[in-house]
Amino acid sequence: MENKPFIFGVATSGENFTDRKKETDRLLLNFRHGVNTVLISPRRWGKTSLVQKACRLAQSDKLKIVYLDIFACRSDRDFYDAFASAVLKQTSSKLDEWIEHARLFLSRISPKISMGTDPMTDFSISLEMNPKDNDVDEILQLPERIARKKDCTIVVCIDEFQQIAEFKDSKTFQKRLRSVWQLQKSVSYCLFGSKKHLMNELFEKNSQPFYKFGDAIYLSKIGTPDWINYICGRFAATGKSISEELAEKICQRVDNHSSYVQQLAWLVWIHTDKIATEQDFEAACQDIIDQNTPLFEKQTENLTTYQMNFLRAIIDGVHSEFSRQEILYKYQLGSSANVSIVKRALVKKELVEIEKRQTVIPDPVMKVWLKRELGM
């Protein structure tokens, strides 16, 4: 199978990873100096790819990386199982050492280890404990104790960290995590997730346990010049060509949104015989709308009239002061109190975001689709 020139929808690496040198260097410094990191950005801007690249570069005999995705965790019990499994599995390459560490450092819990078809890589841990028991501190201290035994430092990277906000009695759980983690000397943490509004809630409110937990990195969009070089280079590597002007139009059409730039560039590449044309670009733009239409229909099918009217106002250029009487009347938004309710609901659904006190639709392709659907 030939290498695909543009990658989207999954984490990228190698020649498919674009720019982010500044952020990569900052992450590496944090990893190597034991600084906790919180990474925040809208979904599909390349957070996972960035962290995974930094992990590959940082990994060494003296610095071990533990990476886990907690998207499937629905309770603190799920989290403890996933956390312990990842720490044991990724800090050693020997099965007997995993078992030794489990028995040595989780002695009061007596975990059950279930082996898969390949015991060297496929196993899971069931702790079979009451999550309220004080013994959970043994689990949270596991990476620190392993780091001391192996005379190394450990970085624990947790993807989809916002899931903990959905746990029962989440605030108590968060307090427990922070109370243990902030005292560890040989372990640091990199916490990131795909739901920006929930990540902001966890780390930006001074009433939350994880407030000012570490170095906060807010990803910005990759600049157009970097994208142009990347797009033109990927076309050239496959025996095709695209002008810098057309590569720039790809960026402009999707507002430099990382995943969409890759997807639209791929669609243009598909349509291109040898040299990309304006017709190839326009056909690709229609393709990207068509491919995403089922998702957009699902995301909007249950919206209320007020919510759709609110989106209509944003598309029409209204980004603040929705409670002004002329705005309420023109877009039929009801009362000022209703506007607040509608905005909160749309933020929770991740259909709108607040950026510098401006309410925007973060998905550039959805914005084009909505404009067409609403006849604007």
Protein backbone atom coordinates (compact mmCIF):
# COMPACT_ATOMS: atom_id res chain seq x y z
CA MET A 1 0.00 0.00 0.00
CA GLU A 2 1.38 3.42 -0.95
CA ASN A 3 1.91 5.97 1.77
CA LYS A 4 -0.99 8.38 1.99
CA PRO A 5 0.29 11.93 1.40
CA PHE A 6 -2.15 13.53 3.85
CA ILE A 7 -3.36 12.06 7.15
CA PHE A 8 -6.49 13.13 9.05
CA GLY A 9 -8.82 11.63 11.63
CA VAL A 10 -5.95 9.88 13.46
CA ALA A 11 -2.75 10.94 15.21
CA THR A 12 0.04 11.76 12.77
CA SER A 13 3.78 11.20 13.00
CA GLY A 14 6.99 11.47 11.00
CA GLU A 15 6.72 13.37 7.73
CA ASN A 16 2.95 13.75 8.25
CA PHE A 17 3.51 15.82 11.38
CA THR A 18 3.51 19.52 10.53
CA ASP A 19 5.47 22.25 12.33
CA ARG A 20 4.77 22.54 16.12
CA LYS A 21 8.53 22.84 16.75
CA LYS A 22 8.06 25.50 19.43
CA GLU A 23 5.42 23.47 21.28
CA THR A 24 7.44 20.25 20.90
CA ASP A 25 10.51 21.91 22.41
CA ARG A 26 8.46 23.27 25.30
CA LEU A 27 6.96 19.87 26.02
CA LEU A 28 10.39 18.25 25.93
CA LEU A 29 11.75 20.78 28.41
CA ASN A 30 8.80 20.16 30.72
CA PHE A 31 9.19 16.38 30.46
CA ARG A 32 12.93 16.49 31.10
CA HIS A 33 12.68 18.90 34.02
CA GLY A 34 9.67 17.35 35.75
CA VAL A 35 7.21 20.17 35.06
CA ASN A 36 3.51 19.27 35.02
CA THR A 37 1.81 20.26 31.76
CA VAL A 38 -1.78 21.01 30.82
CA LEU A 39 -2.44 21.10 27.07
CA ILE A 40 -5.63 22.80 25.88
CA SER A 41 -7.00 23.43 22.39
CA PRO A 42 -10.11 22.69 20.30
CA ARG A 43 -10.55 19.13 19.06
CA ARG A 44 -8.60 17.88 16.05
CA TRP A 45 -5.88 20.51 16.30
CA GLY A 46 -3.15 17.90 16.79
CA LYS A 47 -2.78 17.62 20.58
CA THR A 48 -2.39 13.83 20.56
CA SER A 49 0.10 13.90 17.69
CA LEU A 50 2.13 16.59 19.46
CA VAL A 51 2.26 14.73 22.78
CA GLN A 52 3.12 11.43 21.11
CA LYS A 53 5.97 13.08 19.20
CA ALA A 54 7.35 14.58 22.42
CA CYS A 55 7.02 11.19 24.12
CA ARG A 56 9.06 9.47 21.40
CA LEU A 57 11.79 12.11 21.61
CA ALA A 58 11.92 12.15 25.42
CA GLN A 59 11.89 8.40 26.11
CA SER A 60 15.20 7.08 27.48
CA ASP A 61 16.63 4.77 30.11
CA LYS A 62 16.48 7.61 32.61
CA LEU A 63 13.13 9.06 31.53
CA LYS A 64 10.25 6.67 31.01
CA ILE A 65 6.94 7.65 29.44
CA VAL A 66 3.56 6.27 30.48
CA TYR A 67 0.72 7.06 28.07
CA LEU A 68 -2.94 6.24 28.64
CA ASP A 69 -6.25 7.28 27.12
CA ILE A 70 -9.10 7.34 29.64
CA PHE A 71 -11.93 8.01 27.18
CA ALA A 72 -13.54 4.66 28.08
CA CYS A 73 -13.32 5.28 31.84
CA ARG A 74 -16.70 5.99 33.38
CA SER A 75 -15.80 5.88 37.07
CA ASP A 76 -12.87 6.34 39.43
CA ARG A 77 -12.63 2.55 39.63
CA ASP A 78 -12.14 2.38 35.84
CA PHE A 79 -9.49 5.06 36.12
CA TYR A 80 -7.51 3.25 38.83
CA ASP A 81 -7.51 0.02 36.81
CA ALA A 82 -6.37 1.82 33.63
CA PHE A 83 -3.77 3.88 35.49
CA ALA A 84 -2.19 0.91 37.28
CA SER A 85 -2.16 -1.22 34.10
CA ALA A 86 -0.50 1.51 32.04
CA VAL A 87 2.13 2.31 34.67
CA LEU A 88 3.10 -1.34 35.19
CA LYS A 89 3.03 -2.18 31.48
CA GLN A 90 5.02 0.80 30.22
CA THR A 91 7.76 1.09 32.83
CA SER A 92 9.27 -2.32 32.15
CA SER A 93 9.63 -4.79 29.29
CA LYS A 94 9.69 -7.94 31.40
CA LEU A 95 6.60 -9.81 32.51
CA ASP A 96 8.15 -10.98 35.78
CA GLU A 97 9.05 -7.38 36.62
CA TRP A 98 5.46 -6.27 36.05
CA ILE A 99 4.24 -8.94 38.42
CA GLU A 100 6.97 -8.13 40.95
CA HIS A 101 6.05 -4.43 40.95
CA ALA A 102 2.34 -5.19 41.24
CA ARG A 103 2.90 -7.40 44.27
CA LEU A 104 5.52 -5.13 45.84
CA PHE A 105 3.84 -1.77 45.42
CA LEU A 106 0.17 -2.81 45.46
CA SER A 107 0.55 -5.27 48.31
CA ARG A 108 -2.54 -4.21 50.25
CA ILE A 109 -4.72 -4.44 47.13
CA SER A 110 -3.63 -7.85 45.79
CA PRO A 111 -4.48 -7.07 42.16
CA LYS A 112 -5.64 -9.75 39.77
CA ILE A 113 -3.64 -9.85 36.54
CA SER A 114 -5.36 -11.32 33.47
CA MET A 115 -3.13 -12.40 30.59
CA GLY A 116 -4.08 -12.18 26.91
CA THR A 117 -2.74 -14.10 23.93
CA ASP A 118 0.64 -12.38 24.20
CA PRO A 119 1.54 -12.10 27.88
CA MET A 120 4.43 -9.75 27.08
CA THR A 121 2.12 -7.00 25.79
CA ASP A 122 -1.45 -8.06 26.45
CA PHE A 123 -2.59 -8.03 30.05
CA SER A 124 -5.01 -6.14 32.25
CA ILE A 125 -5.32 -5.51 35.95
CA SER A 126 -8.43 -5.80 38.07
CA LEU A 127 -8.00 -4.21 41.48
CA GLU A 128 -11.30 -5.42 42.98
CA MET A 129 -11.37 -2.75 45.64
CA ASN A 130 -13.60 -0.11 47.12
CA PRO A 131 -12.58 3.18 45.45
CA LYS A 132 -13.16 5.02 48.75
CA ASP A 133 -10.61 2.91 50.50
CA ASN A 134 -7.39 4.68 51.51
CA ASP A 135 -5.51 1.98 49.61
CA VAL A 136 -6.13 3.89 46.37
CA ASP A 137 -3.17 6.07 47.32
CA GLU A 138 -1.02 3.02 46.62
CA ILE A 139 -2.17 3.15 43.01
CA LEU A 140 -1.57 6.88 42.65
CA GLN A 141 1.88 6.49 44.21
CA LEU A 142 2.77 3.57 41.91
CA PRO A 143 4.77 5.58 39.32
CA GLU A 144 6.69 7.42 42.06
CA ARG A 145 7.68 4.21 43.79
CA ILE A 146 8.71 2.53 40.52
CA ALA A 147 10.73 5.62 39.53
CA ARG A 148 12.64 5.51 42.81
CA LYS A 149 13.30 1.79 42.50
CA LYS A 150 14.55 2.12 38.92
CA ASP A 151 16.42 5.39 39.61
CA CYS A 152 14.67 7.21 36.80
CA THR A 153 12.02 9.84 36.24
CA ILE A 154 8.57 9.15 34.77
CA VAL A 155 6.16 11.30 32.79
CA VAL A 156 2.52 10.15 32.85
CA CYS A 157 0.55 11.46 29.86
CA ILE A 158 -3.23 11.16 30.19
CA ASP A 159 -5.38 11.74 27.10
CA GLU A 160 -9.09 12.62 27.34
CA PHE A 161 -8.48 13.79 30.90
CA GLN A 162 -11.74 15.76 30.89
CA GLN A 163 -13.54 12.43 31.41
CA ILE A 164 -12.90 12.71 35.14
CA ALA A 165 -15.38 15.61 35.26
CA GLU A 166 -18.11 13.08 34.46
CA PHE A 167 -17.30 10.75 37.36
CA LYS A 168 -19.59 10.50 40.35
CA ASP A 169 -18.38 12.84 43.13
CA SER A 170 -15.78 14.11 40.70
CA LYS A 171 -14.48 16.95 42.84
CA THR A 172 -13.53 14.61 45.69
CA PHE A 173 -11.78 12.37 43.18
CA GLN A 174 -9.90 15.33 41.70
CA LYS A 175 -8.77 16.46 45.16
CA ARG A 176 -7.38 13.00 45.84
CA LEU A 177 -5.42 12.96 42.59
CA ARG A 178 -3.93 16.37 43.14
CA SER A 179 -3.10 15.82 46.81
CA VAL A 180 -0.96 12.82 45.87
CA TRP A 181 0.47 13.93 42.53
CA GLN A 182 1.63 17.39 43.61
CA LEU A 183 3.99 15.89 46.23
CA GLN A 184 5.73 13.45 43.91
CA LYS A 185 9.39 14.23 43.16
CA SER A 186 10.21 11.76 40.38
CA VAL A 187 6.98 11.88 38.39
CA SER A 188 5.36 14.64 36.35
CA TYR A 189 2.09 14.68 34.44
CA CYS A 190 0.90 15.85 31.03
CA LEU A 191 -2.88 16.19 31.00
CA PHE A 192 -4.87 16.91 27.84
CA GLY A 193 -8.22 16.22 26.23
CA SER A 194 -10.49 16.83 23.26
CA LYS A 195 -13.29 18.79 24.97
CA LYS A 196 -11.95 22.30 25.39
CA HIS A 197 -14.78 23.67 27.52
CA LEU A 198 -14.44 20.86 30.07
CA MET A 199 -10.65 21.20 30.16
CA ASN A 200 -11.08 24.91 30.78
CA GLU A 201 -13.49 24.14 33.62
CA LEU A 202 -10.99 21.77 35.24
CA PHE A 203 -7.90 23.94 35.03
CA GLU A 204 -8.93 27.60 34.79
CA LYS A 205 -11.38 27.99 37.68
CA ASN A 206 -9.75 28.77 41.02
CA SER A 207 -12.44 26.75 42.78
CA GLN A 208 -11.30 23.55 41.07
CA PRO A 209 -8.68 21.19 42.58
CA PHE A 210 -6.52 21.23 39.43
CA TYR A 211 -6.35 25.04 39.20
CA LYS A 212 -2.76 26.06 38.30
CA PHE A 213 -1.62 22.43 38.38
CA GLY A 214 1.13 23.01 35.83
CA ASP A 215 2.40 24.83 32.78
CA ALA A 216 -0.66 25.59 30.64
CA ILE A 217 -0.04 25.34 26.89
CA TYR A 218 -2.79 26.70 24.65
CA LEU A 219 -2.24 25.44 21.12
CA SER A 220 -2.60 28.02 18.37
CA LYS A 221 -3.30 27.25 14.75
CA ILE A 222 -0.40 26.28 12.52
CA GLY A 223 0.56 29.27 10.37
CA THR A 224 -0.31 29.46 6.69
CA PRO A 225 3.36 29.60 5.46
CA ASP A 226 4.10 26.31 7.27
CA TRP A 227 1.01 24.70 5.78
CA ILE A 228 1.88 25.92 2.28
CA ASN A 229 5.36 24.39 2.50
CA TYR A 230 3.89 21.16 3.82
CA ILE A 231 1.13 20.85 1.19
CA CYS A 232 3.42 21.68 -1.74
CA GLY A 233 6.04 19.27 -0.40
CA ARG A 234 3.60 16.39 -0.02
CA PHE A 235 2.27 16.92 -3.56
CA ALA A 236 5.82 16.98 -4.94
CA ALA A 237 6.75 13.82 -3.03
CA THR A 238 4.03 11.94 -4.93
CA GLY A 239 4.86 13.26 -8.39
CA LYS A 240 2.14 15.91 -8.46
CA SER A 241 2.29 19.67 -8.04
CA ILE A 242 0.19 22.44 -6.57
CA SER A 243 0.82 26.17 -6.64
CA GLU A 244 1.47 28.08 -3.44
CA GLU A 245 -1.61 30.17 -4.22
CA LEU A 246 -3.87 27.11 -4.36
CA ALA A 247 -2.26 25.64 -1.22
CA GLU A 248 -3.02 28.93 0.53
CA LYS A 249 -6.65 28.73 -0.61
CA ILE A 250 -6.90 25.30 1.03
CA CYS A 251 -5.80 26.86 4.32
CA GLN A 252 -8.14 29.83 3.97
CA ARG A 253 -11.18 27.72 3.11
CA VAL A 254 -10.91 25.72 6.35
CA ASP A 255 -9.47 28.50 8.53
CA ASN A 256 -6.16 26.64 9.09
CA HIS A 257 -7.95 23.92 11.07
CA SER A 258 -5.33 21.15 11.21
CA SER A 259 -7.49 18.10 10.51
CA TYR A 260 -9.50 19.88 7.79
CA VAL A 261 -6.37 21.20 6.06
CA GLN A 262 -5.14 17.63 5.81
CA GLN A 263 -8.52 16.36 4.63
CA LEU A 264 -9.09 19.08 2.03
CA ALA A 265 -5.52 18.75 0.74
CA TRP A 266 -6.10 15.00 0.39
CA LEU A 267 -9.30 15.57 -1.57
CA VAL A 268 -7.56 18.07 -3.87
CA TRP A 269 -4.75 15.53 -4.34
CA ILE A 270 -7.30 12.84 -5.31
CA HIS A 271 -8.82 15.10 -7.98
CA THR A 272 -5.43 16.16 -9.32
CA ASP A 273 -3.94 14.38 -12.32
CA LYS A 274 -0.55 16.10 -12.48
CA ILE A 275 -1.04 19.77 -11.63
CA ALA A 276 -3.78 20.87 -9.22
CA THR A 277 -6.29 23.28 -10.76
CA GLU A 278 -8.98 25.62 -9.50
CA GLN A 279 -11.55 23.06 -10.65
CA ASP A 280 -9.84 20.35 -8.58
CA PHE A 281 -9.99 22.66 -5.56
CA GLU A 282 -13.69 23.47 -5.96
CA ALA A 283 -14.57 19.80 -6.45
CA ALA A 284 -12.65 18.94 -3.28
CA CYS A 285 -14.47 21.66 -1.35
CA GLN A 286 -17.79 20.13 -2.35
CA ASP A 287 -16.49 16.70 -1.36
CA ILE A 288 -15.52 17.82 2.14
CA ILE A 289 -19.00 19.26 2.67
CA ASP A 290 -20.66 16.08 1.38
CA GLN A 291 -18.47 13.80 3.49
CA ASN A 292 -19.22 15.70 6.70
CA THR A 293 -22.91 16.32 6.08
CA PRO A 294 -24.14 13.15 7.87
CA LEU A 295 -22.18 14.15 10.99
CA PHE A 296 -23.45 17.73 10.91
CA GLU A 297 -27.03 16.53 10.45
CA LYS A 298 -26.69 14.29 13.49
CA GLN A 299 -25.19 17.10 15.57
CA THR A 300 -27.98 19.55 14.73
CA GLU A 301 -31.09 17.38 14.29
CA ASN A 302 -32.27 17.83 17.89
CA LEU A 303 -31.46 21.51 18.29
CA THR A 304 -34.29 23.79 19.37
CA THR A 305 -35.52 26.68 17.27
CA TYR A 306 -33.81 29.09 19.66
CA GLN A 307 -30.51 27.23 19.30
CA MET A 308 -30.72 27.25 15.50
CA ASN A 309 -31.58 30.95 15.57
CA PHE A 310 -28.53 31.57 17.76
CA LEU A 311 -26.31 29.80 15.22
CA ARG A 312 -27.92 31.84 12.46
CA ALA A 313 -26.97 35.03 14.30
CA ILE A 314 -23.33 33.92 14.58
CA ILE A 315 -23.15 33.05 10.87
CA ASP A 316 -24.62 36.48 10.17
CA GLY A 317 -21.71 38.10 11.99
CA VAL A 318 -23.06 38.52 15.53
CA HIS A 319 -20.46 37.35 18.07
CA SER A 320 -21.38 39.29 21.21
CA GLU A 321 -24.12 41.37 22.83
CA PHE A 322 -26.79 38.84 21.91
CA SER A 323 -29.08 40.34 24.57
CA ARG A 324 -29.46 43.67 22.81
CA GLN A 325 -33.12 44.22 21.97
CA GLU A 326 -32.54 44.52 18.21
CA ILE A 327 -30.59 41.23 18.19
CA LEU A 328 -33.20 39.43 20.30
CA TYR A 329 -35.92 40.66 17.95
CA LYS A 330 -34.12 40.13 14.62
CA TYR A 331 -33.11 36.53 15.37
CA GLN A 332 -36.07 35.62 17.60
CA LEU A 333 -33.93 34.59 20.56
CA GLY A 334 -36.52 35.22 23.26
CA SER A 335 -35.36 36.88 26.48
CA SER A 336 -31.87 37.75 27.72
CA ALA A 337 -32.10 34.90 30.21
CA ASN A 338 -32.98 32.53 27.38
CA VAL A 339 -29.89 33.63 25.43
CA SER A 340 -27.67 32.58 28.35
CA ILE A 341 -29.34 29.16 28.50
CA VAL A 342 -29.02 28.67 24.74
CA LYS A 343 -25.36 29.68 24.72
CA ARG A 344 -24.47 27.31 27.58
CA ALA A 345 -26.25 24.44 25.83
CA LEU A 346 -24.41 25.03 22.55
CA VAL A 347 -21.05 25.32 24.33
CA LYS A 348 -21.73 22.00 26.06
CA LYS A 349 -22.58 20.43 22.69
CA GLU A 350 -19.29 21.90 21.38
CA LEU A 351 -21.08 23.65 18.55
CA VAL A 352 -19.89 27.08 19.71
CA GLU A 353 -16.91 28.35 21.68
CA ILE A 354 -16.06 31.56 23.50
CA GLU A 355 -12.82 33.12 22.25
CA LYS A 356 -11.75 36.48 23.69
CA ARG A 357 -15.36 37.19 24.68
CA GLN A 358 -16.53 36.42 21.15
CA THR A 359 -18.92 33.54 20.48
CA VAL A 360 -17.85 31.60 17.41
CA ILE A 361 -18.55 28.36 15.55
CA PRO A 362 -15.19 26.52 15.84
CA ASP A 363 -15.80 24.07 12.99
CA PRO A 364 -15.13 25.94 9.71
CA VAL A 365 -16.72 23.27 7.52
CA MET A 366 -19.83 23.13 9.68
CA LYS A 367 -20.05 26.90 9.38
CA VAL A 368 -20.17 26.66 5.57
CA TRP A 369 -22.67 23.79 5.77
CA LEU A 370 -24.94 25.70 8.16
CA LYS A 371 -24.83 28.76 5.94
CA ARG A 372 -26.11 26.67 3.05
CA GLU A 373 -28.72 24.85 5.14
CA LEU A 374 -30.05 28.12 6.53
CA GLY A 375 -30.16 29.72 3.07
CA MET A 376 -27.77 32.50 4.02
